[in-house]
Amino acid sequence: MAANPGFPVSLDVKGYPVLVLGGDEEAADKSQRLLDAGAKVTVVAPTLHEKLKDLAASAKVIHRGRHFRETDLESAILVLNTVRGDKEFARTLFAKAREKKFLLWSVDFPEASNVNMPAVVASGHARVAISTSGMAPALSWFMKEDLERILDGEFVSFVDWLGQLREQAKASEPDAEKRRAMLREALDGFRLLGKVQYPKVWTDHRTGEKAGSITQ
């Protein structure tokens, strides 16, 4: 089956109930991201990662210390299934998502999900989402780590400055086209420059492909 690139959106979950299934480090990371976005998070898992234990102890998330029950789906607009290796469970959830019309992401099974969870680079107010449409999730995380190094503290300050400049322009210049021109001028010269360094296993593969095409 060909990968589905999907339709990228940013979901507003502030104040909405979201269900996280599983209690490992992946569940902890997703729960924290949901809390940062203002969601009301319920975690269903018999055991919890230390970070999740802290969140539950401080009442930042609701913890149900057991395995999943269908009643857990009530009111949830989004379900994040971090349970690995259980294809049948993922398929069952996917059928429920279609029936009850909620959004579902399953960590190991993109084919049993109706949303994709990109790797997110957060640098101040800027957010960069990276997705390989489920083809190579590990690559997304390598790209995330490199972008986090590039989008450093100075970049955070730069974005803040642009925001201040925009507010000043809105207050002092009533003409929308002139405001846009001012902000474009402020960005003149900005470039995100980089070069991809490929692993040896890939360059060897490409060399073999080229050699094979020459001999044919």
N, C-alpha and C. Protein backbone atom coordinates (compact mmCIF):
# COMPACT_ATOMS: atom_id res chain seq x y z
N MET A 1 0.84 -1.19 0.00
CA MET A 1 0.00 0.00 0.00
C MET A 1 0.88 1.25 0.00
N ALA A 2 0.57 2.21 -0.88
CA ALA A 2 1.34 3.44 -0.96
C ALA A 2 1.08 4.30 0.28
N ALA A 3 2.13 5.01 0.72
CA ALA A 3 1.98 5.87 1.89
C ALA A 3 1.05 7.03 1.57
N ASN A 4 0.22 7.38 2.53
CA ASN A 4 -0.70 8.50 2.38
C ASN A 4 -0.10 9.72 3.07
N PRO A 5 0.24 10.78 2.31
CA PRO A 5 0.85 11.95 2.92
C PRO A 5 -0.09 12.71 3.84
N GLY A 6 -1.40 12.49 3.67
CA GLY A 6 -2.37 13.14 4.54
C GLY A 6 -2.52 14.62 4.22
N PHE A 7 -3.31 15.30 5.06
CA PHE A 7 -3.55 16.74 4.94
C PHE A 7 -3.11 17.40 6.23
N PRO A 8 -1.93 18.03 6.24
CA PRO A 8 -1.37 18.56 7.49
C PRO A 8 -2.23 19.67 8.09
N VAL A 9 -2.55 19.53 9.37
CA VAL A 9 -3.26 20.56 10.12
C VAL A 9 -2.67 20.62 11.53
N SER A 10 -2.96 21.69 12.24
CA SER A 10 -2.60 21.80 13.65
C SER A 10 -3.91 21.76 14.44
N LEU A 11 -4.04 20.78 15.30
CA LEU A 11 -5.30 20.54 16.00
C LEU A 11 -5.35 21.29 17.33
N ASP A 12 -6.40 22.08 17.52
CA ASP A 12 -6.62 22.78 18.78
C ASP A 12 -7.30 21.84 19.76
N VAL A 13 -6.55 21.39 20.77
CA VAL A 13 -7.11 20.45 21.76
C VAL A 13 -7.33 21.12 23.12
N LYS A 14 -7.15 22.43 23.18
CA LYS A 14 -7.27 23.12 24.47
C LYS A 14 -8.66 22.92 25.07
N GLY A 15 -8.67 22.34 26.28
CA GLY A 15 -9.92 22.11 26.99
C GLY A 15 -10.65 20.85 26.60
N TYR A 16 -10.13 20.10 25.61
CA TYR A 16 -10.81 18.90 25.14
C TYR A 16 -10.21 17.64 25.79
N PRO A 17 -11.05 16.60 26.00
CA PRO A 17 -10.54 15.34 26.57
C PRO A 17 -9.80 14.51 25.52
N VAL A 18 -8.61 14.08 25.87
CA VAL A 18 -7.78 13.24 25.00
C VAL A 18 -7.34 12.01 25.78
N LEU A 19 -7.37 10.86 25.11
CA LEU A 19 -7.05 9.58 25.76
C LEU A 19 -5.70 9.09 25.28
N VAL A 20 -4.82 8.73 26.21
CA VAL A 20 -3.52 8.13 25.89
C VAL A 20 -3.52 6.71 26.42
N LEU A 21 -3.28 5.74 25.54
CA LEU A 21 -3.24 4.33 25.92
C LEU A 21 -1.80 3.87 25.98
N GLY A 22 -1.40 3.32 27.14
CA GLY A 22 -0.02 2.91 27.35
C GLY A 22 0.67 3.85 28.33
N GLY A 23 1.71 3.32 28.98
CA GLY A 23 2.35 4.12 30.03
C GLY A 23 3.85 4.22 29.91
N ASP A 24 4.41 4.00 28.69
CA ASP A 24 5.86 4.03 28.54
C ASP A 24 6.37 5.44 28.25
N GLU A 25 7.64 5.55 27.85
CA GLU A 25 8.24 6.86 27.60
C GLU A 25 7.54 7.59 26.45
N GLU A 26 7.12 6.83 25.44
CA GLU A 26 6.38 7.42 24.32
C GLU A 26 5.09 8.06 24.83
N ALA A 27 4.38 7.35 25.69
CA ALA A 27 3.14 7.88 26.26
C ALA A 27 3.42 9.13 27.10
N ALA A 28 4.53 9.12 27.82
CA ALA A 28 4.90 10.29 28.64
C ALA A 28 5.17 11.50 27.77
N ASP A 29 5.91 11.28 26.66
CA ASP A 29 6.22 12.39 25.75
C ASP A 29 4.95 12.97 25.14
N LYS A 30 4.07 12.09 24.65
CA LYS A 30 2.83 12.55 24.03
C LYS A 30 1.92 13.24 25.05
N SER A 31 1.87 12.72 26.26
CA SER A 31 1.04 13.33 27.29
C SER A 31 1.51 14.74 27.62
N GLN A 32 2.83 14.92 27.71
CA GLN A 32 3.36 16.24 28.01
C GLN A 32 3.06 17.22 26.88
N ARG A 33 3.19 16.75 25.64
CA ARG A 33 2.88 17.62 24.50
C ARG A 33 1.41 18.01 24.50
N LEU A 34 0.54 17.07 24.87
CA LEU A 34 -0.89 17.37 24.95
C LEU A 34 -1.18 18.38 26.06
N LEU A 35 -0.52 18.21 27.20
CA LEU A 35 -0.70 19.16 28.30
C LEU A 35 -0.23 20.55 27.91
N ASP A 36 0.89 20.60 27.19
CA ASP A 36 1.41 21.89 26.73
C ASP A 36 0.41 22.59 25.81
N ALA A 37 -0.38 21.78 25.10
CA ALA A 37 -1.40 22.32 24.19
C ALA A 37 -2.73 22.57 24.89
N GLY A 38 -2.79 22.28 26.20
CA GLY A 38 -3.99 22.59 26.97
C GLY A 38 -5.05 21.51 27.01
N ALA A 39 -4.71 20.29 26.57
CA ALA A 39 -5.69 19.20 26.57
C ALA A 39 -5.94 18.66 27.98
N LYS A 40 -7.11 18.02 28.14
CA LYS A 40 -7.42 17.29 29.37
C LYS A 40 -7.06 15.83 29.12
N VAL A 41 -6.00 15.37 29.74
CA VAL A 41 -5.40 14.08 29.38
C VAL A 41 -5.77 12.99 30.38
N THR A 42 -6.23 11.86 29.83
CA THR A 42 -6.44 10.64 30.63
C THR A 42 -5.52 9.56 30.09
N VAL A 43 -4.76 8.94 30.98
CA VAL A 43 -3.83 7.87 30.60
C VAL A 43 -4.36 6.55 31.15
N VAL A 44 -4.48 5.56 30.26
CA VAL A 44 -4.93 4.23 30.68
C VAL A 44 -3.78 3.25 30.50
N ALA A 45 -3.28 2.72 31.62
CA ALA A 45 -2.16 1.77 31.58
C ALA A 45 -1.99 1.16 32.97
N PRO A 46 -1.68 -0.13 33.05
CA PRO A 46 -1.47 -0.76 34.36
C PRO A 46 -0.25 -0.19 35.08
N THR A 47 0.82 0.15 34.32
CA THR A 47 2.03 0.72 34.92
C THR A 47 2.42 1.98 34.18
N LEU A 48 3.18 2.86 34.85
CA LEU A 48 3.52 4.15 34.27
C LEU A 48 5.02 4.41 34.29
N HIS A 49 5.50 5.10 33.27
CA HIS A 49 6.85 5.65 33.25
C HIS A 49 6.97 6.68 34.37
N GLU A 50 8.18 6.90 34.87
CA GLU A 50 8.39 7.82 35.99
C GLU A 50 7.82 9.21 35.71
N LYS A 51 7.99 9.70 34.49
CA LYS A 51 7.47 11.04 34.14
C LYS A 51 5.96 11.07 34.26
N LEU A 52 5.31 9.98 33.84
CA LEU A 52 3.86 9.91 33.94
C LEU A 52 3.40 9.78 35.39
N LYS A 53 4.19 9.07 36.18
CA LYS A 53 3.86 8.97 37.61
C LYS A 53 3.83 10.35 38.24
N ASP A 54 4.81 11.19 37.87
CA ASP A 54 4.86 12.55 38.41
C ASP A 54 3.66 13.37 37.95
N LEU A 55 3.30 13.22 36.68
CA LEU A 55 2.15 13.97 36.15
C LEU A 55 0.85 13.53 36.82
N ALA A 56 0.73 12.22 37.08
CA ALA A 56 -0.47 11.70 37.75
C ALA A 56 -0.51 12.15 39.21
N ALA A 57 0.66 12.11 39.87
CA ALA A 57 0.72 12.49 41.28
C ALA A 57 0.37 13.96 41.48
N SER A 58 0.69 14.79 40.50
CA SER A 58 0.39 16.21 40.60
C SER A 58 -0.96 16.56 39.97
N ALA A 59 -1.74 15.51 39.62
CA ALA A 59 -3.09 15.66 39.07
C ALA A 59 -3.12 16.41 37.74
N LYS A 60 -1.99 16.39 37.01
CA LYS A 60 -1.98 17.02 35.69
C LYS A 60 -2.61 16.11 34.65
N VAL A 61 -2.55 14.78 34.89
CA VAL A 61 -3.26 13.83 34.06
C VAL A 61 -4.09 12.93 34.97
N ILE A 62 -5.16 12.39 34.42
CA ILE A 62 -5.94 11.37 35.13
C ILE A 62 -5.37 10.01 34.75
N HIS A 63 -5.09 9.17 35.74
CA HIS A 63 -4.54 7.84 35.48
C HIS A 63 -5.55 6.77 35.86
N ARG A 64 -5.84 5.89 34.92
CA ARG A 64 -6.64 4.71 35.20
C ARG A 64 -5.71 3.50 35.12
N GLY A 65 -5.39 2.95 36.29
CA GLY A 65 -4.37 1.91 36.38
C GLY A 65 -4.87 0.53 36.02
N ARG A 66 -5.22 0.35 34.79
CA ARG A 66 -5.75 -0.93 34.30
C ARG A 66 -5.60 -0.96 32.79
N HIS A 67 -6.08 -2.05 32.18
CA HIS A 67 -6.09 -2.14 30.73
C HIS A 67 -7.31 -1.39 30.16
N PHE A 68 -7.26 -1.15 28.87
CA PHE A 68 -8.28 -0.38 28.16
C PHE A 68 -9.67 -1.02 28.26
N ARG A 69 -10.69 -0.17 28.41
CA ARG A 69 -12.08 -0.57 28.29
C ARG A 69 -12.75 0.37 27.28
N GLU A 70 -13.75 -0.14 26.60
CA GLU A 70 -14.40 0.66 25.56
C GLU A 70 -15.01 1.94 26.14
N THR A 71 -15.44 1.90 27.40
CA THR A 71 -16.02 3.09 28.02
C THR A 71 -15.01 4.23 28.14
N ASP A 72 -13.70 3.91 28.05
CA ASP A 72 -12.68 4.96 28.12
C ASP A 72 -12.78 5.93 26.94
N LEU A 73 -13.42 5.49 25.86
CA LEU A 73 -13.50 6.31 24.66
C LEU A 73 -14.53 7.43 24.76
N GLU A 74 -15.37 7.38 25.78
CA GLU A 74 -16.44 8.36 25.90
C GLU A 74 -15.87 9.77 25.99
N SER A 75 -16.36 10.64 25.11
CA SER A 75 -16.02 12.07 25.06
C SER A 75 -14.67 12.38 24.43
N ALA A 76 -13.79 11.40 24.28
CA ALA A 76 -12.46 11.68 23.74
C ALA A 76 -12.54 12.08 22.26
N ILE A 77 -11.89 13.20 21.92
CA ILE A 77 -11.85 13.61 20.52
C ILE A 77 -10.63 13.03 19.81
N LEU A 78 -9.64 12.63 20.60
CA LEU A 78 -8.38 12.10 20.06
C LEU A 78 -7.88 10.99 20.97
N VAL A 79 -7.44 9.88 20.36
CA VAL A 79 -6.87 8.76 21.10
C VAL A 79 -5.47 8.49 20.56
N LEU A 80 -4.50 8.45 21.45
CA LEU A 80 -3.13 8.11 21.08
C LEU A 80 -2.81 6.75 21.67
N ASN A 81 -2.63 5.78 20.79
CA ASN A 81 -2.34 4.41 21.21
C ASN A 81 -0.83 4.17 21.14
N THR A 82 -0.18 4.14 22.29
CA THR A 82 1.27 3.92 22.33
C THR A 82 1.63 2.47 22.66
N VAL A 83 0.63 1.60 22.66
CA VAL A 83 0.87 0.17 22.92
C VAL A 83 1.52 -0.45 21.69
N ARG A 84 2.71 -0.99 21.85
CA ARG A 84 3.47 -1.51 20.71
C ARG A 84 3.21 -3.00 20.49
N GLY A 85 3.23 -3.39 19.21
CA GLY A 85 3.26 -4.80 18.87
C GLY A 85 1.93 -5.52 18.86
N ASP A 86 0.84 -4.83 19.23
CA ASP A 86 -0.46 -5.50 19.29
C ASP A 86 -1.32 -5.04 18.10
N LYS A 87 -1.16 -5.72 16.98
CA LYS A 87 -1.84 -5.33 15.75
C LYS A 87 -3.35 -5.49 15.86
N GLU A 88 -3.80 -6.55 16.51
CA GLU A 88 -5.23 -6.80 16.64
C GLU A 88 -5.90 -5.70 17.46
N PHE A 89 -5.23 -5.26 18.52
CA PHE A 89 -5.76 -4.18 19.35
C PHE A 89 -5.86 -2.90 18.53
N ALA A 90 -4.81 -2.61 17.74
CA ALA A 90 -4.82 -1.41 16.91
C ALA A 90 -5.96 -1.45 15.89
N ARG A 91 -6.19 -2.62 15.30
CA ARG A 91 -7.29 -2.75 14.33
C ARG A 91 -8.65 -2.57 14.99
N THR A 92 -8.78 -3.10 16.20
CA THR A 92 -10.04 -2.95 16.93
C THR A 92 -10.31 -1.48 17.24
N LEU A 93 -9.27 -0.78 17.66
CA LEU A 93 -9.41 0.66 17.93
C LEU A 93 -9.78 1.42 16.67
N PHE A 94 -9.17 1.03 15.56
CA PHE A 94 -9.43 1.71 14.29
C PHE A 94 -10.89 1.55 13.88
N ALA A 95 -11.43 0.36 14.09
CA ALA A 95 -12.85 0.13 13.79
C ALA A 95 -13.73 1.02 14.68
N LYS A 96 -13.35 1.16 15.95
CA LYS A 96 -14.10 2.01 16.87
C LYS A 96 -13.99 3.48 16.46
N ALA A 97 -12.80 3.88 15.97
CA ALA A 97 -12.62 5.26 15.54
C ALA A 97 -13.54 5.61 14.38
N ARG A 98 -13.70 4.66 13.48
CA ARG A 98 -14.60 4.88 12.35
C ARG A 98 -16.06 4.93 12.80
N GLU A 99 -16.38 4.07 13.76
CA GLU A 99 -17.75 4.00 14.25
C GLU A 99 -18.12 5.24 15.06
N LYS A 100 -17.22 5.65 15.97
CA LYS A 100 -17.53 6.72 16.91
C LYS A 100 -17.00 8.08 16.46
N LYS A 101 -16.27 8.12 15.32
CA LYS A 101 -15.81 9.38 14.73
C LYS A 101 -14.82 10.14 15.62
N PHE A 102 -13.83 9.45 16.17
CA PHE A 102 -12.77 10.15 16.88
C PHE A 102 -11.46 9.96 16.11
N LEU A 103 -10.49 10.81 16.40
CA LEU A 103 -9.19 10.74 15.75
C LEU A 103 -8.31 9.74 16.49
N LEU A 104 -7.55 8.95 15.74
CA LEU A 104 -6.74 7.88 16.33
C LEU A 104 -5.35 7.83 15.70
N TRP A 105 -4.36 7.73 16.57
CA TRP A 105 -2.99 7.47 16.14
C TRP A 105 -2.47 6.27 16.90
N SER A 106 -1.96 5.27 16.17
CA SER A 106 -1.35 4.08 16.79
C SER A 106 0.12 4.05 16.42
N VAL A 107 0.98 3.98 17.43
CA VAL A 107 2.41 4.19 17.25
C VAL A 107 3.03 3.25 16.22
N ASP A 108 2.70 1.98 16.25
CA ASP A 108 3.33 0.99 15.36
C ASP A 108 2.56 0.73 14.07
N PHE A 109 1.34 1.28 13.98
CA PHE A 109 0.46 0.87 12.89
C PHE A 109 -0.18 2.08 12.20
N PRO A 110 0.55 2.73 11.30
CA PRO A 110 -0.04 3.87 10.58
C PRO A 110 -1.25 3.47 9.76
N GLU A 111 -1.31 2.19 9.33
CA GLU A 111 -2.46 1.74 8.55
C GLU A 111 -3.71 1.61 9.41
N ALA A 112 -3.55 1.59 10.73
CA ALA A 112 -4.68 1.53 11.65
C ALA A 112 -4.82 2.87 12.40
N SER A 113 -4.50 3.95 11.71
CA SER A 113 -4.60 5.30 12.26
C SER A 113 -5.30 6.19 11.23
N ASN A 114 -6.00 7.20 11.71
CA ASN A 114 -6.56 8.18 10.78
C ASN A 114 -5.90 9.56 10.93
N VAL A 115 -4.88 9.64 11.78
CA VAL A 115 -4.03 10.83 11.84
C VAL A 115 -2.57 10.37 11.92
N ASN A 116 -1.68 11.23 11.48
CA ASN A 116 -0.25 10.96 11.55
C ASN A 116 0.36 11.88 12.61
N MET A 117 1.30 11.37 13.38
CA MET A 117 1.93 12.16 14.43
C MET A 117 3.35 12.53 14.00
N PRO A 118 3.55 13.77 13.52
CA PRO A 118 4.89 14.15 13.06
C PRO A 118 5.83 14.39 14.23
N ALA A 119 7.13 14.35 13.92
CA ALA A 119 8.12 14.82 14.89
C ALA A 119 8.07 16.34 14.87
N VAL A 120 8.08 16.98 16.03
CA VAL A 120 7.91 18.42 16.11
C VAL A 120 9.15 19.07 16.71
N VAL A 121 9.68 20.06 15.99
CA VAL A 121 10.77 20.89 16.49
C VAL A 121 10.14 22.15 17.06
N ALA A 122 10.35 22.41 18.35
CA ALA A 122 9.81 23.61 18.99
C ALA A 122 10.97 24.54 19.33
N SER A 123 10.91 25.75 18.78
CA SER A 123 11.95 26.75 19.04
C SER A 123 11.24 28.07 19.32
N GLY A 124 11.01 28.36 20.60
CA GLY A 124 10.22 29.53 20.93
C GLY A 124 8.82 29.38 20.38
N HIS A 125 8.36 30.38 19.65
CA HIS A 125 7.02 30.34 19.07
C HIS A 125 6.97 29.55 17.77
N ALA A 126 8.12 29.21 17.22
CA ALA A 126 8.16 28.50 15.93
C ALA A 126 7.99 27.00 16.15
N ARG A 127 7.26 26.38 15.24
CA ARG A 127 7.06 24.93 15.25
C ARG A 127 7.32 24.40 13.84
N VAL A 128 8.15 23.36 13.76
CA VAL A 128 8.40 22.69 12.49
C VAL A 128 8.00 21.23 12.66
N ALA A 129 7.04 20.78 11.86
CA ALA A 129 6.59 19.39 11.92
C ALA A 129 7.23 18.60 10.79
N ILE A 130 7.74 17.41 11.11
CA ILE A 130 8.43 16.57 10.13
C ILE A 130 7.73 15.23 10.04
N SER A 131 7.33 14.87 8.84
CA SER A 131 6.66 13.58 8.64
C SER A 131 7.22 12.90 7.40
N THR A 132 7.35 11.57 7.47
CA THR A 132 7.72 10.78 6.30
C THR A 132 6.54 9.92 5.86
N SER A 133 5.33 10.34 6.23
CA SER A 133 4.10 9.61 5.87
C SER A 133 4.12 8.17 6.37
N GLY A 134 4.81 7.94 7.49
CA GLY A 134 4.88 6.60 8.07
C GLY A 134 5.91 5.70 7.43
N MET A 135 6.65 6.18 6.42
CA MET A 135 7.61 5.35 5.71
C MET A 135 8.91 5.16 6.50
N ALA A 136 9.37 6.21 7.17
CA ALA A 136 10.66 6.14 7.88
C ALA A 136 10.61 7.04 9.11
N PRO A 137 9.86 6.65 10.16
CA PRO A 137 9.73 7.49 11.35
C PRO A 137 11.06 7.84 12.00
N ALA A 138 12.03 6.91 11.98
CA ALA A 138 13.33 7.19 12.60
C ALA A 138 14.02 8.36 11.93
N LEU A 139 13.85 8.50 10.61
CA LEU A 139 14.46 9.62 9.89
C LEU A 139 13.91 10.95 10.40
N SER A 140 12.62 10.99 10.71
CA SER A 140 12.02 12.22 11.23
C SER A 140 12.72 12.67 12.50
N TRP A 141 13.06 11.70 13.36
CA TRP A 141 13.69 12.06 14.63
C TRP A 141 15.14 12.51 14.43
N PHE A 142 15.86 11.93 13.46
CA PHE A 142 17.20 12.42 13.15
C PHE A 142 17.14 13.86 12.65
N MET A 143 16.18 14.14 11.77
CA MET A 143 16.02 15.50 11.24
C MET A 143 15.63 16.46 12.36
N LYS A 144 14.79 16.00 13.28
CA LYS A 144 14.37 16.82 14.41
C LYS A 144 15.58 17.24 15.26
N GLU A 145 16.46 16.30 15.56
CA GLU A 145 17.62 16.59 16.39
C GLU A 145 18.53 17.63 15.73
N ASP A 146 18.72 17.50 14.41
CA ASP A 146 19.58 18.46 13.71
C ASP A 146 18.94 19.84 13.65
N LEU A 147 17.64 19.89 13.40
CA LEU A 147 16.95 21.19 13.34
C LEU A 147 16.93 21.88 14.70
N GLU A 148 16.85 21.10 15.76
CA GLU A 148 16.89 21.69 17.10
C GLU A 148 18.22 22.38 17.36
N ARG A 149 19.30 21.84 16.79
CA ARG A 149 20.60 22.49 16.94
C ARG A 149 20.68 23.77 16.10
N ILE A 150 20.06 23.76 14.93
CA ILE A 150 20.10 24.93 14.04
C ILE A 150 19.23 26.06 14.57
N LEU A 151 18.02 25.72 15.01
CA LEU A 151 17.07 26.74 15.49
C LEU A 151 17.34 26.99 16.97
N ASP A 152 18.40 27.73 17.22
CA ASP A 152 18.93 27.91 18.57
C ASP A 152 18.32 29.12 19.28
N GLY A 153 18.97 29.56 20.34
CA GLY A 153 18.45 30.68 21.12
C GLY A 153 18.35 31.97 20.33
N GLU A 154 19.29 32.20 19.43
CA GLU A 154 19.22 33.42 18.62
C GLU A 154 18.00 33.39 17.71
N PHE A 155 17.67 32.20 17.19
CA PHE A 155 16.48 32.08 16.34
C PHE A 155 15.22 32.40 17.15
N VAL A 156 15.18 31.95 18.40
CA VAL A 156 14.04 32.25 19.27
C VAL A 156 13.89 33.76 19.42
N SER A 157 15.02 34.44 19.67
CA SER A 157 14.99 35.90 19.82
C SER A 157 14.57 36.59 18.52
N PHE A 158 15.01 36.03 17.39
CA PHE A 158 14.66 36.59 16.09
C PHE A 158 13.16 36.51 15.84
N VAL A 159 12.55 35.36 16.16
CA VAL A 159 11.11 35.21 15.99
C VAL A 159 10.35 36.17 16.91
N ASP A 160 10.84 36.31 18.16
CA ASP A 160 10.21 37.26 19.08
C ASP A 160 10.27 38.68 18.52
N TRP A 161 11.42 39.05 17.97
CA TRP A 161 11.60 40.39 17.39
C TRP A 161 10.66 40.61 16.22
N LEU A 162 10.51 39.59 15.37
CA LEU A 162 9.58 39.69 14.24
C LEU A 162 8.14 39.90 14.73
N GLY A 163 7.79 39.21 15.81
CA GLY A 163 6.45 39.39 16.38
C GLY A 163 6.23 40.80 16.89
N GLN A 164 7.25 41.35 17.56
CA GLN A 164 7.15 42.73 18.05
C GLN A 164 7.05 43.72 16.89
N LEU A 165 7.85 43.45 15.84
CA LEU A 165 7.83 44.31 14.66
C LEU A 165 6.45 44.29 14.00
N ARG A 166 5.84 43.12 13.96
CA ARG A 166 4.50 42.99 13.37
C ARG A 166 3.48 43.79 14.15
N GLU A 167 3.55 43.71 15.49
CA GLU A 167 2.61 44.46 16.32
C GLU A 167 2.80 45.97 16.13
N GLN A 168 4.07 46.40 16.04
CA GLN A 168 4.35 47.82 15.82
C GLN A 168 3.81 48.28 14.48
N ALA A 169 3.98 47.43 13.46
CA ALA A 169 3.49 47.78 12.13
C ALA A 169 1.97 47.88 12.11
N LYS A 170 1.29 46.98 12.81
CA LYS A 170 -0.17 47.02 12.87
C LYS A 170 -0.66 48.30 13.55
N ALA A 171 0.12 48.78 14.54
CA ALA A 171 -0.28 49.97 15.28
C ALA A 171 0.02 51.26 14.51
N SER A 172 1.06 51.24 13.68
CA SER A 172 1.52 52.49 13.04
C SER A 172 1.18 52.61 11.57
N GLU A 173 0.88 51.47 10.90
CA GLU A 173 0.64 51.51 9.45
C GLU A 173 -0.72 50.89 9.13
N PRO A 174 -1.71 51.73 8.78
CA PRO A 174 -3.05 51.20 8.51
C PRO A 174 -3.16 50.43 7.20
N ASP A 175 -2.26 50.68 6.26
CA ASP A 175 -2.33 50.03 4.96
C ASP A 175 -1.77 48.61 5.04
N ALA A 176 -2.60 47.59 4.78
CA ALA A 176 -2.19 46.20 4.94
C ALA A 176 -1.05 45.82 3.99
N GLU A 177 -1.10 46.32 2.75
CA GLU A 177 -0.05 45.97 1.79
C GLU A 177 1.29 46.58 2.19
N LYS A 178 1.26 47.77 2.72
CA LYS A 178 2.51 48.40 3.19
C LYS A 178 3.07 47.65 4.40
N ARG A 179 2.16 47.16 5.27
CA ARG A 179 2.62 46.37 6.42
C ARG A 179 3.31 45.10 5.95
N ARG A 180 2.71 44.41 4.97
CA ARG A 180 3.31 43.19 4.45
C ARG A 180 4.68 43.47 3.84
N ALA A 181 4.81 44.60 3.13
CA ALA A 181 6.08 44.98 2.53
C ALA A 181 7.14 45.24 3.60
N MET A 182 6.75 45.88 4.70
CA MET A 182 7.68 46.15 5.80
C MET A 182 8.20 44.84 6.41
N LEU A 183 7.28 43.88 6.60
CA LEU A 183 7.67 42.62 7.22
C LEU A 183 8.50 41.77 6.27
N ARG A 184 8.19 41.81 4.98
CA ARG A 184 9.02 41.09 4.01
C ARG A 184 10.43 41.67 3.97
N GLU A 185 10.52 43.00 4.08
CA GLU A 185 11.83 43.65 4.08
C GLU A 185 12.65 43.22 5.30
N ALA A 186 11.96 43.05 6.44
CA ALA A 186 12.65 42.61 7.66
C ALA A 186 13.22 41.21 7.50
N LEU A 187 12.62 40.41 6.62
CA LEU A 187 13.07 39.03 6.40
C LEU A 187 14.06 38.92 5.24
N ASP A 188 14.34 40.03 4.56
CA ASP A 188 15.25 40.00 3.42
C ASP A 188 16.64 39.54 3.88
N GLY A 189 17.13 38.48 3.29
CA GLY A 189 18.43 37.93 3.67
C GLY A 189 18.34 36.70 4.55
N PHE A 190 17.16 36.43 5.10
CA PHE A 190 17.01 35.22 5.92
C PHE A 190 17.01 33.98 5.04
N ARG A 191 17.82 33.02 5.38
CA ARG A 191 17.86 31.75 4.67
C ARG A 191 18.14 30.63 5.68
N LEU A 192 17.51 29.51 5.48
CA LEU A 192 17.80 28.32 6.27
C LEU A 192 18.66 27.41 5.40
N LEU A 193 19.97 27.46 5.62
CA LEU A 193 20.92 26.76 4.76
C LEU A 193 21.36 25.45 5.40
N GLY A 194 21.52 24.43 4.59
CA GLY A 194 21.96 23.16 5.12
C GLY A 194 22.37 22.21 4.02
N LYS A 195 23.04 21.14 4.41
CA LYS A 195 23.47 20.11 3.46
C LYS A 195 23.23 18.75 4.10
N VAL A 196 22.68 17.85 3.32
CA VAL A 196 22.39 16.51 3.84
C VAL A 196 23.64 15.65 3.77
N GLN A 197 23.98 15.05 4.90
CA GLN A 197 25.08 14.07 4.95
C GLN A 197 24.46 12.68 5.05
N TYR A 198 24.65 11.88 4.01
CA TYR A 198 24.01 10.56 3.96
C TYR A 198 24.90 9.49 4.61
N PRO A 199 24.29 8.45 5.17
CA PRO A 199 25.07 7.36 5.78
C PRO A 199 25.78 6.53 4.69
N LYS A 200 26.87 5.87 5.10
CA LYS A 200 27.68 5.11 4.16
C LYS A 200 26.88 3.99 3.50
N VAL A 201 25.97 3.37 4.25
CA VAL A 201 25.20 2.26 3.69
C VAL A 201 24.37 2.73 2.48
N TRP A 202 23.91 4.00 2.53
CA TRP A 202 23.14 4.52 1.41
C TRP A 202 24.05 4.86 0.22
N THR A 203 25.19 5.50 0.50
CA THR A 203 26.09 5.85 -0.61
C THR A 203 26.64 4.60 -1.28
N ASP A 204 26.89 3.55 -0.49
CA ASP A 204 27.32 2.28 -1.09
C ASP A 204 26.22 1.70 -1.97
N HIS A 205 24.98 1.81 -1.50
CA HIS A 205 23.83 1.31 -2.27
C HIS A 205 23.70 2.06 -3.59
N ARG A 206 23.85 3.38 -3.55
CA ARG A 206 23.72 4.19 -4.76
C ARG A 206 24.85 3.91 -5.73
N THR A 207 26.07 3.70 -5.19
CA THR A 207 27.21 3.37 -6.03
C THR A 207 26.98 2.05 -6.75
N GLY A 208 26.42 1.06 -6.01
CA GLY A 208 26.13 -0.24 -6.61
C GLY A 208 25.07 -0.12 -7.70
N GLU A 209 24.06 0.73 -7.48
CA GLU A 209 23.02 0.95 -8.48
C GLU A 209 23.60 1.53 -9.76
N LYS A 210 24.47 2.53 -9.59
CA LYS A 210 25.07 3.19 -10.75
C LYS A 210 25.96 2.22 -11.53
N ALA A 211 26.74 1.42 -10.77
CA ALA A 211 27.61 0.44 -11.43
C ALA A 211 26.79 -0.57 -12.20
N GLY A 212 25.65 -0.98 -11.63
CA GLY A 212 24.80 -1.95 -12.31
C GLY A 212 24.19 -1.39 -13.57
N SER A 213 23.81 -0.10 -13.56
CA SER A 213 23.21 0.50 -14.75
C SER A 213 24.22 0.66 -15.87
N ILE A 214 25.51 0.87 -15.52
CA ILE A 214 26.56 1.02 -16.53
C ILE A 214 26.84 -0.31 -17.24
N THR A 215 26.80 -1.41 -16.47
CA THR A 215 27.11 -2.73 -17.05
C THR A 215 25.96 -3.32 -17.83
N GLN A 216 24.76 -2.75 -17.69
CA GLN A 216 23.60 -3.32 -18.40
C GLN A 216 23.61 -2.92 -19.88
